[in-house]
PDB file of N, CA and C in Angstrom:
ATOM      1  N   MET A   1      -4.830 -11.373  -0.393  1.00  0.00           N
ATOM      2  CA  MET A   1      -5.664 -11.201   0.792  1.00  0.00           C
ATOM      3  C   MET A   1      -7.128 -11.362   0.412  1.00  0.00           C
ATOM      4  N   ILE A   2      -7.858 -11.930   1.303  1.00  0.00           N
ATOM      5  CA  ILE A   2      -9.282 -12.039   1.050  1.00  0.00           C
ATOM      6  C   ILE A   2      -9.952 -10.726   1.450  1.00  0.00           C
ATOM      7  N   SER A   3     -11.100 -10.503   0.914  1.00  0.00           N
ATOM      8  CA  SER A   3     -11.803  -9.240   1.107  1.00  0.00           C
ATOM      9  C   SER A   3     -12.023  -8.899   2.581  1.00  0.00           C
ATOM     10  N   ALA A   4     -12.414  -9.865   3.378  1.00  0.00           N
ATOM     11  CA  ALA A   4     -12.685  -9.599   4.801  1.00  0.00           C
ATOM     12  C   ALA A   4     -11.421  -9.138   5.518  1.00  0.00           C
ATOM     13  N   THR A   5     -10.282  -9.720   5.164  1.00  0.00           N
ATOM     14  CA  THR A   5      -9.018  -9.333   5.786  1.00  0.00           C
ATOM     15  C   THR A   5      -8.655  -7.900   5.417  1.00  0.00           C
ATOM     16  N   VAL A   6      -8.838  -7.568   4.158  1.00  0.00           N
ATOM     17  CA  VAL A   6      -8.540  -6.210   3.699  1.00  0.00           C
ATOM     18  C   VAL A   6      -9.443  -5.208   4.407  1.00  0.00           C
ATOM     19  N   LYS A   7     -10.716  -5.509   4.473  1.00  0.00           N
ATOM     20  CA  LYS A   7     -11.658  -4.608   5.143  1.00  0.00           C
ATOM     21  C   LYS A   7     -11.281  -4.419   6.611  1.00  0.00           C
ATOM     22  N   LYS A   8     -10.877  -5.499   7.258  1.00  0.00           N
ATOM     23  CA  LYS A   8     -10.490  -5.414   8.669  1.00  0.00           C
ATOM     24  C   LYS A   8      -9.256  -4.528   8.831  1.00  0.00           C
ATOM     25  N   GLU A   9      -8.260  -4.718   7.964  1.00  0.00           N
ATOM     26  CA  GLU A   9      -7.055  -3.901   8.064  1.00  0.00           C
ATOM     27  C   GLU A   9      -7.358  -2.428   7.790  1.00  0.00           C
ATOM     28  N   LEU A  10      -8.180  -2.173   6.780  1.00  0.00           N
ATOM     29  CA  LEU A  10      -8.549  -0.788   6.494  1.00  0.00           C
ATOM     30  C   LEU A  10      -9.252  -0.149   7.686  1.00  0.00           C
ATOM     31  N   SER A  11     -10.154  -0.903   8.301  1.00  0.00           N
ATOM     32  CA  SER A  11     -10.876  -0.342   9.445  1.00  0.00           C
ATOM     33  C   SER A  11      -9.954  -0.124  10.636  1.00  0.00           C
ATOM     34  N   THR A  12      -8.822  -0.819  10.672  1.00  0.00           N
ATOM     35  CA  THR A  12      -7.834  -0.640  11.736  1.00  0.00           C
ATOM     36  C   THR A  12      -6.985   0.604  11.496  1.00  0.00           C
ATOM     37  N   TYR A  13      -6.569   0.801  10.239  1.00  0.00           N
ATOM     38  CA  TYR A  13      -5.640   1.885   9.930  1.00  0.00           C
ATOM     39  C   TYR A  13      -6.303   3.240   9.671  1.00  0.00           C
ATOM     40  N   LEU A  14      -7.468   3.237   9.059  1.00  0.00           N
ATOM     41  CA  LEU A  14      -8.105   4.515   8.728  1.00  0.00           C
ATOM     42  C   LEU A  14      -8.310   5.436   9.932  1.00  0.00           C
ATOM     43  N   PRO A  15      -8.734   4.919  11.083  1.00  0.00           N
ATOM     44  CA  PRO A  15      -8.900   5.820  12.232  1.00  0.00           C
ATOM     45  C   PRO A  15      -7.593   6.446  12.726  1.00  0.00           C
ATOM     46  N   LEU A  16      -6.462   5.849  12.366  1.00  0.00           N
ATOM     47  CA  LEU A  16      -5.165   6.410  12.775  1.00  0.00           C
ATOM     48  C   LEU A  16      -4.792   7.642  11.955  1.00  0.00           C
ATOM     49  N   LEU A  17      -5.483   7.841  10.850  1.00  0.00           N
ATOM     50  CA  LEU A  17      -5.178   8.959   9.965  1.00  0.00           C
ATOM     51  C   LEU A  17      -5.995  10.195  10.321  1.00  0.00           C
ATOM     52  N   SER A  18      -5.412  11.334  10.025  1.00  0.00           N
ATOM     53  CA  SER A  18      -6.156  12.587  10.202  1.00  0.00           C
ATOM     54  C   SER A  18      -7.245  12.656   9.132  1.00  0.00           C
ATOM     55  N   ALA A  19      -8.166  13.586   9.280  1.00  0.00           N
ATOM     56  CA  ALA A  19      -9.238  13.752   8.292  1.00  0.00           C
ATOM     57  C   ALA A  19      -8.649  14.048   6.918  1.00  0.00           C
ATOM     58  N   ARG A  20      -7.612  14.869   6.875  1.00  0.00           N
ATOM     59  CA  ARG A  20      -6.956  15.198   5.599  1.00  0.00           C
ATOM     60  C   ARG A  20      -6.308  13.959   4.981  1.00  0.00           C
ATOM     61  N   GLN A  21      -5.645  13.156   5.789  1.00  0.00           N
ATOM     62  CA  GLN A  21      -5.017  11.937   5.283  1.00  0.00           C
ATOM     63  C   GLN A  21      -6.068  10.949   4.781  1.00  0.00           C
ATOM     64  N   GLN A  22      -7.186  10.862   5.484  1.00  0.00           N
ATOM     65  CA  GLN A  22      -8.264   9.986   5.039  1.00  0.00           C
ATOM     66  C   GLN A  22      -8.793  10.444   3.680  1.00  0.00           C
ATOM     67  N   ALA A  23      -8.914  11.749   3.503  1.00  0.00           N
ATOM     68  CA  ALA A  23      -9.378  12.293   2.222  1.00  0.00           C
ATOM     69  C   ALA A  23      -8.384  11.963   1.111  1.00  0.00           C
ATOM     70  N   LEU A  24      -7.095  12.034   1.427  1.00  0.00           N
ATOM     71  CA  LEU A  24      -6.077  11.700   0.435  1.00  0.00           C
ATOM     72  C   LEU A  24      -6.141  10.226   0.047  1.00  0.00           C
ATOM     73  N   VAL A  25      -6.361   9.357   1.033  1.00  0.00           N
ATOM     74  CA  VAL A  25      -6.493   7.923   0.748  1.00  0.00           C
ATOM     75  C   VAL A  25      -7.698   7.696  -0.150  1.00  0.00           C
ATOM     76  N   LEU A  26      -8.794   8.364   0.134  1.00  0.00           N
ATOM     77  CA  LEU A  26      -9.987   8.236  -0.696  1.00  0.00           C
ATOM     78  C   LEU A  26      -9.706   8.699  -2.117  1.00  0.00           C
ATOM     79  N   ASP A  27      -8.992   9.807  -2.261  1.00  0.00           N
ATOM     80  CA  ASP A  27      -8.626  10.300  -3.594  1.00  0.00           C
ATOM     81  C   ASP A  27      -7.757   9.292  -4.342  1.00  0.00           C
ATOM     82  N   MET A  28      -6.835   8.652  -3.621  1.00  0.00           N
ATOM     83  CA  MET A  28      -5.979   7.648  -4.262  1.00  0.00           C
ATOM     84  C   MET A  28      -6.812   6.459  -4.737  1.00  0.00           C
ATOM     85  N   ILE A  29      -7.741   6.024  -3.907  1.00  0.00           N
ATOM     86  CA  ILE A  29      -8.597   4.896  -4.292  1.00  0.00           C
ATOM     87  C   ILE A  29      -9.410   5.255  -5.531  1.00  0.00           C
ATOM     88  N   LYS A  30      -9.973   6.451  -5.536  1.00  0.00           N
ATOM     89  CA  LYS A  30     -10.747   6.886  -6.700  1.00  0.00           C
ATOM     90  C   LYS A  30      -9.859   6.953  -7.936  1.00  0.00           C
ATOM     91  N   SER A  31      -8.628   7.400  -7.760  1.00  0.00           N
ATOM     92  CA  SER A  31      -7.688   7.483  -8.873  1.00  0.00           C
ATOM     93  C   SER A  31      -7.357   6.092  -9.410  1.00  0.00           C
ATOM     94  N   ILE A  32      -7.173   5.141  -8.514  1.00  0.00           N
ATOM     95  CA  ILE A  32      -6.875   3.768  -8.929  1.00  0.00           C
ATOM     96  C   ILE A  32      -8.041   3.189  -9.728  1.00  0.00           C
ATOM     97  N   LEU A  33      -9.244   3.505  -9.339  1.00  0.00           N
ATOM     98  CA  LEU A  33     -10.416   2.965 -10.018  1.00  0.00           C
ATOM     99  C   LEU A  33     -10.625   3.575 -11.396  1.00  0.00           C
ATOM    100  N   HIS A  34     -10.086   4.774 -11.583  1.00  0.00           N
ATOM    101  CA  HIS A  34     -10.195   5.439 -12.881  1.00  0.00           C
ATOM    102  C   HIS A  34      -9.027   4.983 -13.748  1.00  0.00           C
ATOM    103  N   VAL A  35      -9.318   4.081 -14.671  1.00  0.00           N
ATOM    104  CA  VAL A  35      -8.275   3.563 -15.540  1.00  0.00           C
ATOM    105  C   VAL A  35      -8.213   4.412 -16.798  1.00  0.00           C
ATOM    106  N   ASP A  36      -7.053   4.995 -17.038  1.00  0.00           N
ATOM    107  CA  ASP A  36      -6.844   5.826 -18.216  1.00  0.00           C
ATOM    108  C   ASP A  36      -6.651   4.919 -19.433  1.00  0.00           C
ATOM    109  N   PRO A  37      -7.499   5.058 -20.446  1.00  0.00           N
ATOM    110  CA  PRO A  37      -7.361   4.184 -21.621  1.00  0.00           C
ATOM    111  C   PRO A  37      -6.034   4.388 -22.358  1.00  0.00           C
ATOM    112  N   LYS A  38      -5.385   5.516 -22.141  1.00  0.00           N
ATOM    113  CA  LYS A  38      -4.099   5.794 -22.783  1.00  0.00           C
ATOM    114  C   LYS A  38      -2.938   5.157 -22.023  1.00  0.00           C
ATOM    115  N   GLU A  39      -3.219   4.722 -20.819  1.00  0.00           N
ATOM    116  CA  GLU A  39      -2.185   4.134 -19.973  1.00  0.00           C
ATOM    117  C   GLU A  39      -1.739   2.793 -20.544  1.00  0.00           C
ATOM    118  N   LYS A  40      -0.423   2.650 -20.695  1.00  0.00           N
ATOM    119  CA  LYS A  40       0.110   1.407 -21.224  1.00  0.00           C
ATOM    120  C   LYS A  40       0.233   0.393 -20.088  1.00  0.00           C
ATOM    121  N   ARG A  41      -0.304  -0.785 -20.310  1.00  0.00           N
ATOM    122  CA  ARG A  41      -0.242  -1.850 -19.313  1.00  0.00           C
ATOM    123  C   ARG A  41       1.123  -2.517 -19.367  1.00  0.00           C
ATOM    124  N   VAL A  42       1.582  -2.965 -18.224  1.00  0.00           N
ATOM    125  CA  VAL A  42       2.846  -3.681 -18.154  1.00  0.00           C
ATOM    126  C   VAL A  42       2.610  -5.116 -18.627  1.00  0.00           C
ATOM    127  N   SER A  43       3.598  -5.678 -19.304  1.00  0.00           N
ATOM    128  CA  SER A  43       3.461  -7.051 -19.794  1.00  0.00           C
ATOM    129  C   SER A  43       3.538  -8.039 -18.628  1.00  0.00           C
ATOM    130  N   VAL A  44       3.051  -9.229 -18.872  1.00  0.00           N
ATOM    131  CA  VAL A  44       3.099 -10.283 -17.855  1.00  0.00           C
ATOM    132  C   VAL A  44       4.556 -10.588 -17.512  1.00  0.00           C
ATOM    133  N   GLU A  45       5.404 -10.588 -18.534  1.00  0.00           N
ATOM    134  CA  GLU A  45       6.822 -10.869 -18.309  1.00  0.00           C
ATOM    135  C   GLU A  45       7.448  -9.814 -17.395  1.00  0.00           C
ATOM    136  N   LYS A  46       7.161  -8.543 -17.685  1.00  0.00           N
ATOM    137  CA  LYS A  46       7.695  -7.444 -16.868  1.00  0.00           C
ATOM    138  C   LYS A  46       7.159  -7.547 -15.441  1.00  0.00           C
ATOM    139  N   TYR A  47       5.877  -7.833 -15.301  1.00  0.00           N
ATOM    140  CA  TYR A  47       5.252  -7.981 -13.994  1.00  0.00           C
ATOM    141  C   TYR A  47       5.949  -9.089 -13.202  1.00  0.00           C
ATOM    142  N   ASN A  48       6.129 -10.245 -13.846  1.00  0.00           N
ATOM    143  CA  ASN A  48       6.774 -11.373 -13.170  1.00  0.00           C
ATOM    144  C   ASN A  48       8.213 -11.051 -12.785  1.00  0.00           C
ATOM    145  N   THR A  49       8.925 -10.336 -13.645  1.00  0.00           N
ATOM    146  CA  THR A  49      10.299  -9.938 -13.343  1.00  0.00           C
ATOM    147  C   THR A  49      10.334  -9.036 -12.117  1.00  0.00           C
ATOM    148  N   GLU A  50       9.407  -8.087 -12.048  1.00  0.00           N
ATOM    149  CA  GLU A  50       9.350  -7.178 -10.902  1.00  0.00           C
ATOM    150  C   GLU A  50       9.024  -7.930  -9.612  1.00  0.00           C
ATOM    151  N   ILE A  51       8.138  -8.903  -9.697  1.00  0.00           N
ATOM    152  CA  ILE A  51       7.798  -9.715  -8.525  1.00  0.00           C
ATOM    153  C   ILE A  51       9.022 -10.508  -8.070  1.00  0.00           C
ATOM    154  N   GLU A  52       9.736 -11.114  -9.017  1.00  0.00           N
ATOM    155  CA  GLU A  52      10.939 -11.882  -8.683  1.00  0.00           C
ATOM    156  C   GLU A  52      11.987 -10.998  -8.011  1.00  0.00           C
ATOM    157  N   LEU A  53      12.174  -9.779  -8.528  1.00  0.00           N
ATOM    158  CA  LEU A  53      13.134  -8.853  -7.927  1.00  0.00           C
ATOM    159  C   LEU A  53      12.716  -8.465  -6.513  1.00  0.00           C
ATOM    160  N   ALA A  54      11.425  -8.246  -6.328  1.00  0.00           N
ATOM    161  CA  ALA A  54      10.930  -7.880  -4.991  1.00  0.00           C
ATOM    162  C   ALA A  54      11.137  -9.023  -4.004  1.00  0.00           C
ATOM    163  N   LEU A  55      10.862 -10.244  -4.427  1.00  0.00           N
ATOM    164  CA  LEU A  55      11.066 -11.403  -3.549  1.00  0.00           C
ATOM    165  C   LEU A  55      12.544 -11.574  -3.203  1.00  0.00           C
ATOM    166  N   LYS A  56      13.404 -11.302  -4.166  1.00  0.00           N
ATOM    167  CA  LYS A  56      14.845 -11.387  -3.929  1.00  0.00           C
ATOM    168  C   LYS A  56      15.274 -10.366  -2.863  1.00  0.00           C
ATOM    169  N   GLU A  57      14.723  -9.145  -2.953  1.00  0.00           N
ATOM    170  CA  GLU A  57      15.033  -8.114  -1.956  1.00  0.00           C
ATOM    171  C   GLU A  57      14.571  -8.541  -0.565  1.00  0.00           C
ATOM    172  N   VAL A  58      13.411  -9.143  -0.477  1.00  0.00           N
ATOM    173  CA  VAL A  58      12.904  -9.608   0.813  1.00  0.00           C
ATOM    174  C   VAL A  58      13.836 -10.668   1.386  1.00  0.00           C
ATOM    175  N   LYS A  59      14.259 -11.607   0.550  1.00  0.00           N
ATOM    176  CA  LYS A  59      15.171 -12.664   1.005  1.00  0.00           C
ATOM    177  C   LYS A  59      16.503 -12.087   1.468  1.00  0.00           C
ATOM    178  N   GLN A  60      16.917 -10.955   0.879  1.00  0.00           N
ATOM    179  CA  GLN A  60      18.169 -10.308   1.250  1.00  0.00           C
ATOM    180  C   GLN A  60      18.010  -9.423   2.485  1.00  0.00           C
ATOM    181  N   GLY A  61      16.806  -9.403   3.035  1.00  0.00           N
ATOM    182  CA  GLY A  61      16.559  -8.598   4.228  1.00  0.00           C
ATOM    183  C   GLY A  61      16.303  -7.130   3.943  1.00  0.00           C
ATOM    184  N   LYS A  62      16.023  -6.798   2.696  1.00  0.00           N
ATOM    185  CA  LYS A  62      15.774  -5.407   2.316  1.00  0.00           C
ATOM    186  C   LYS A  62      14.281  -5.080   2.437  1.00  0.00           C
ATOM    187  N   SER A  63      13.729  -5.386   3.584  1.00  0.00           N
ATOM    188  CA  SER A  63      12.323  -5.090   3.840  1.00  0.00           C
ATOM    189  C   SER A  63      12.152  -4.884   5.337  1.00  0.00           C
ATOM    190  N   ILE A  64      10.974  -4.408   5.717  1.00  0.00           N
ATOM    191  CA  ILE A  64      10.678  -4.260   7.135  1.00  0.00           C
ATOM    192  C   ILE A  64       9.382  -5.000   7.436  1.00  0.00           C
ATOM    193  N   SER A  65       9.233  -5.393   8.675  1.00  0.00           N
ATOM    194  CA  SER A  65       8.060  -6.167   9.073  1.00  0.00           C
ATOM    195  C   SER A  65       6.826  -5.271   9.170  1.00  0.00           C
ATOM    196  N   HIS A  66       5.691  -5.912   9.175  1.00  0.00           N
ATOM    197  CA  HIS A  66       4.422  -5.200   9.340  1.00  0.00           C
ATOM    198  C   HIS A  66       4.411  -4.431  10.666  1.00  0.00           C
ATOM    199  N   ASP A  67       4.896  -5.079  11.723  1.00  0.00           N
ATOM    200  CA  ASP A  67       4.920  -4.429  13.040  1.00  0.00           C
ATOM    201  C   ASP A  67       5.766  -3.159  13.003  1.00  0.00           C
ATOM    202  N   GLU A  68       6.894  -3.196  12.296  1.00  0.00           N
ATOM    203  CA  GLU A  68       7.759  -2.018  12.195  1.00  0.00           C
ATOM    204  C   GLU A  68       7.067  -0.900  11.412  1.00  0.00           C
ATOM    205  N   VAL A  69       6.342  -1.253  10.380  1.00  0.00           N
ATOM    206  CA  VAL A  69       5.594  -0.246   9.612  1.00  0.00           C
ATOM    207  C   VAL A  69       4.561   0.427  10.516  1.00  0.00           C
ATOM    208  N   VAL A  70       3.875  -0.370  11.319  1.00  0.00           N
ATOM    209  CA  VAL A  70       2.874   0.191  12.238  1.00  0.00           C
ATOM    210  C   VAL A  70       3.546   1.144  13.221  1.00  0.00           C
ATOM    211  N   LYS A  71       4.689   0.736  13.791  1.00  0.00           N
ATOM    212  CA  LYS A  71       5.410   1.596  14.737  1.00  0.00           C
ATOM    213  C   LYS A  71       5.828   2.903  14.072  1.00  0.00           C
ATOM    214  N   GLN A  72       6.376   2.815  12.863  1.00  0.00           N
ATOM    215  CA  GLN A  72       6.825   4.014  12.155  1.00  0.00           C
ATOM    216  C   GLN A  72       5.653   4.931  11.826  1.00  0.00           C
ATOM    217  N   SER A  73       4.541   4.354  11.389  1.00  0.00           N
ATOM    218  CA  SER A  73       3.396   5.188  11.028  1.00  0.00           C
ATOM    219  C   SER A  73       2.828   5.906  12.249  1.00  0.00           C
ATOM    220  N   ARG A  74       2.881   5.264  13.406  1.00  0.00           N
ATOM    221  CA  ARG A  74       2.425   5.947  14.628  1.00  0.00           C
ATOM    222  C   ARG A  74       3.305   7.144  14.945  1.00  0.00           C
ATOM    223  N   LYS A  75       4.609   7.016  14.719  1.00  0.00           N
ATOM    224  CA  LYS A  75       5.534   8.137  14.941  1.00  0.00           C
ATOM    225  C   LYS A  75       5.217   9.271  13.974  1.00  0.00           C
ATOM    226  N   TRP A  76       4.918   8.926  12.708  1.00  0.00           N
ATOM    227  CA  TRP A  76       4.601   9.954  11.725  1.00  0.00           C
ATOM    228  C   TRP A  76       3.347  10.707  12.123  1.00  0.00           C
ATOM    229  N   LEU A  77       2.366   9.975  12.626  1.00  0.00           N
ATOM    230  CA  LEU A  77       1.098  10.606  12.999  1.00  0.00           C
ATOM    231  C   LEU A  77       1.245  11.492  14.234  1.00  0.00           C
ATOM    232  N   LYS A  78       2.172  11.152  15.124  1.00  0.00           N
ATOM    233  CA  LYS A  78       2.396  11.950  16.347  1.00  0.00           C
ATOM    234  C   LYS A  78       3.048  13.280  16.025  1.00  0.00           C
ATOM    235  N   ARG A  79       3.755  13.384  14.915  1.00  0.00           N
ATOM    236  CA  ARG A  79       4.456  14.630  14.550  1.00  0.00           C
ATOM    237  C   ARG A  79       3.493  15.755  14.189  1.00  0.00           C
ATOM    238  N   LYS A  80       2.282  15.448  13.894  1.00  0.00           N
ATOM    239  CA  LYS A  80       1.338  16.485  13.437  1.00  0.00           C
ATOM    240  C   LYS A  80       0.771  17.264  14.576  1.00  0.00           C
TER     241      LYS A  80
END
């Protein structure tokens, strides 16, 4: 995704979250940016294998559409 697309999607989804959920998302982003030097990186081969497996699952129908994710997330937010 290009940066503008990501920013647009974030600006669409963030308002759907409660203040607490927004804080949690911010904490996750900060955590992602903090790279632990002790953390072992995955090899390119392992990364490619995982991508191939994920694509295979999608082809087998083991995924849900973006629209379905949006519908489900709205239901989750209504429960609060």
